[in-house]
Every structure is written in structure tokens, then in C-alpha cells.
Amino acid sequence: MLPQIEHLVRVHLKQAGAKTTNLDKDGIENENGMSTLMNLPEAEQVFGRNLAFELRALFCDAFGPNLRNELAHGLLDEEAFHSPFAIYAWWLGLHLVFHTWWNMAHKSATEGEAGPDD
């Protein structure tokens, strides 16, 4: 789930015009990691202050659970997957997906109810 959340962050920031890549010394373009992405000024514009804070605190901040880094580097043990942080991360991922689906479903239903002259 964490790679999908990082991808979601990257896609939405790209759509907002943020630069999500960097060039290394050999001129090769690399994607920035989630911590770098969440520190872009566009992050709060795209996700709002509260969600940007949640994403940074839960996945990127060394003073928090830092789940993205811990998972990406194989540092999570089995117990960590049952921690309140991991459960909250699962819920947040579900919330982001369901909320988007719910909004689209209701937008479509509302548009479908409009009369032919609307």
C-alpha cells in the first residue's frame, strides 16, 4: 500500500505542475522520494494542510513512525505491521481511495439526475 500512496502523491503533484524529479551528476533524471515530494510547496496546495501533515508525519518524518522509509528498507518487523501507526496508514489508504470513489459516484449520480434542458 505504501508504494501506491507514494505514487498517488507523485501523480497529483505532477498534475499540479510540481517538479518531482532531479538530475544527477551524469544528467540522468531520477524520481524524488516521498519525503522530498512532501516538502515541496505544492504539497499543501494539492493535499491541503491537514492531509499533507498526516502524510509527512506518518510516512516521512524521522520523529514519527517513518513507515515509508522503514518499509522500503526492510526495517519493519512483524509486530510493526500490527502497530497503531500501520493500522492508521491502512485506514488512511482506504479512506483516500473510498473518498475519491464516493465523490465520483455521487458526482455521476447528480449529473445523471439533471434534466435534458440543464
Protein backbone atom coordinates (compact mmCIF):
# COMPACT_ATOMS: atom_id res chain seq x y z
CA MET A 1 0.00 0.00 0.00
CA LEU A 2 2.81 2.46 0.75
CA PRO A 3 4.21 2.42 -2.79
CA GLN A 4 0.72 3.22 -4.09
CA ILE A 5 0.38 6.16 -1.70
CA GLU A 6 3.78 7.47 -2.80
CA HIS A 7 2.67 7.09 -6.43
CA LEU A 8 -0.58 8.93 -5.64
CA VAL A 9 1.42 11.80 -4.13
CA ARG A 10 3.75 11.93 -7.14
CA VAL A 11 0.95 11.88 -9.72
CA HIS A 12 -1.08 14.62 -8.03
CA LEU A 13 1.97 16.84 -7.58
CA LYS A 14 2.95 16.36 -11.25
CA GLN A 15 -0.59 17.29 -12.30
CA ALA A 16 -0.26 20.47 -10.24
CA GLY A 17 2.93 21.37 -12.11
CA ALA A 18 5.43 20.46 -9.38
CA LYS A 19 8.86 19.20 -10.38
CA THR A 20 9.02 15.65 -8.98
CA THR A 21 12.38 14.65 -10.46
CA ASN A 22 16.01 15.68 -10.25
CA LEU A 23 19.07 15.30 -12.47
CA ASP A 24 22.11 13.51 -11.09
CA LYS A 25 25.72 14.43 -11.94
CA ASP A 26 25.57 12.29 -15.10
CA GLY A 27 22.41 14.02 -16.34
CA ILE A 28 20.15 11.06 -15.51
CA GLU A 29 16.66 12.02 -14.35
CA ASN A 30 15.53 10.36 -11.11
CA GLU A 31 12.22 10.46 -9.28
CA ASN A 32 12.34 12.20 -5.89
CA GLY A 33 11.36 10.19 -2.83
CA MET A 34 8.23 10.83 -0.84
CA SER A 35 9.99 12.92 1.81
CA THR A 36 11.29 15.30 -0.84
CA LEU A 37 7.90 15.39 -2.54
CA MET A 38 6.07 16.21 0.68
CA ASN A 39 8.47 19.10 1.34
CA LEU A 40 7.55 20.79 -1.95
CA PRO A 41 5.46 23.95 -1.53
CA GLU A 42 2.82 22.44 -3.83
CA ALA A 43 2.15 19.60 -1.38
CA GLU A 44 -0.05 21.71 0.91
CA GLN A 45 -1.75 23.32 -2.07
CA VAL A 46 -2.62 19.93 -3.57
CA PHE A 47 -3.45 17.91 -0.45
CA GLY A 48 -4.44 20.62 1.98
CA ARG A 49 -2.68 21.40 5.20
CA ASN A 50 -4.12 18.55 7.27
CA LEU A 51 -3.60 15.69 4.81
CA ALA A 52 -0.12 16.96 3.91
CA PHE A 53 0.74 16.93 7.62
CA GLU A 54 -0.64 13.38 8.03
CA LEU A 55 1.32 12.10 5.04
CA ARG A 56 4.56 13.72 6.23
CA ALA A 57 4.12 12.64 9.86
CA LEU A 58 3.12 9.06 9.11
CA PHE A 59 5.38 8.22 6.20
CA CYS A 60 8.31 10.66 6.06
CA ASP A 61 9.25 12.18 9.39
CA ALA A 62 12.15 10.62 11.29
CA PHE A 63 10.47 11.75 14.53
CA GLY A 64 7.31 9.82 13.61
CA PRO A 65 6.80 6.21 12.57
CA ASN A 66 8.55 6.92 9.22
CA LEU A 67 6.69 3.98 7.68
CA ARG A 68 7.72 4.62 4.09
CA ASN A 69 11.44 4.52 4.90
CA GLU A 70 11.09 1.63 7.34
CA LEU A 71 9.16 -0.49 4.85
CA ALA A 72 11.28 0.44 1.82
CA HIS A 73 14.47 -0.59 3.61
CA GLY A 74 13.10 -3.78 5.15
CA LEU A 75 13.32 -2.49 8.71
CA LEU A 76 9.77 -3.33 9.82
CA ASP A 77 9.37 -6.49 11.85
CA GLU A 78 6.13 -8.46 12.01
CA GLU A 79 4.91 -6.66 15.12
CA ALA A 80 5.23 -3.27 13.42
CA PHE A 81 2.55 -4.31 10.92
CA HIS A 82 0.08 -4.54 13.81
CA SER A 83 1.05 -1.21 15.36
CA PRO A 84 -1.45 1.66 15.64
CA PHE A 85 0.63 3.53 13.04
CA ALA A 86 0.39 0.73 10.48
CA ILE A 87 -3.34 0.32 11.11
CA TYR A 88 -3.84 4.05 10.72
CA ALA A 89 -1.80 4.02 7.49
CA TRP A 90 -4.04 1.22 6.17
CA TRP A 91 -7.13 3.21 7.13
CA LEU A 92 -5.75 6.37 5.52
CA GLY A 93 -5.11 4.50 2.26
CA LEU A 94 -8.63 3.07 2.33
CA HIS A 95 -10.04 6.50 3.13
CA LEU A 96 -8.23 8.14 0.21
CA VAL A 97 -9.45 5.51 -2.25
CA PHE A 98 -13.01 5.30 -0.91
CA HIS A 99 -13.41 9.06 -0.58
CA THR A 100 -12.35 9.54 -4.22
CA TRP A 101 -14.71 6.78 -5.40
CA TRP A 102 -17.58 8.16 -3.30
CA ASN A 103 -17.16 11.67 -4.69
CA MET A 104 -17.02 10.42 -8.27
CA ALA A 105 -20.04 8.14 -7.78
CA HIS A 106 -22.12 10.96 -6.34
CA LYS A 107 -20.94 13.42 -8.96
CA SER A 108 -22.05 10.97 -11.68
CA ALA A 109 -25.39 10.36 -9.94
CA THR A 110 -26.03 14.09 -9.59
CA GLU A 111 -25.16 14.70 -13.23
CA GLY A 112 -27.45 11.84 -14.24
CA GLU A 113 -30.38 13.44 -12.42
CA ALA A 114 -30.13 16.67 -14.39
CA GLY A 115 -32.91 17.23 -16.85
CA PRO A 116 -32.41 17.34 -20.61
CA ASP A 117 -32.57 21.15 -20.63
CA ASP A 118 -29.87 21.52 -17.96
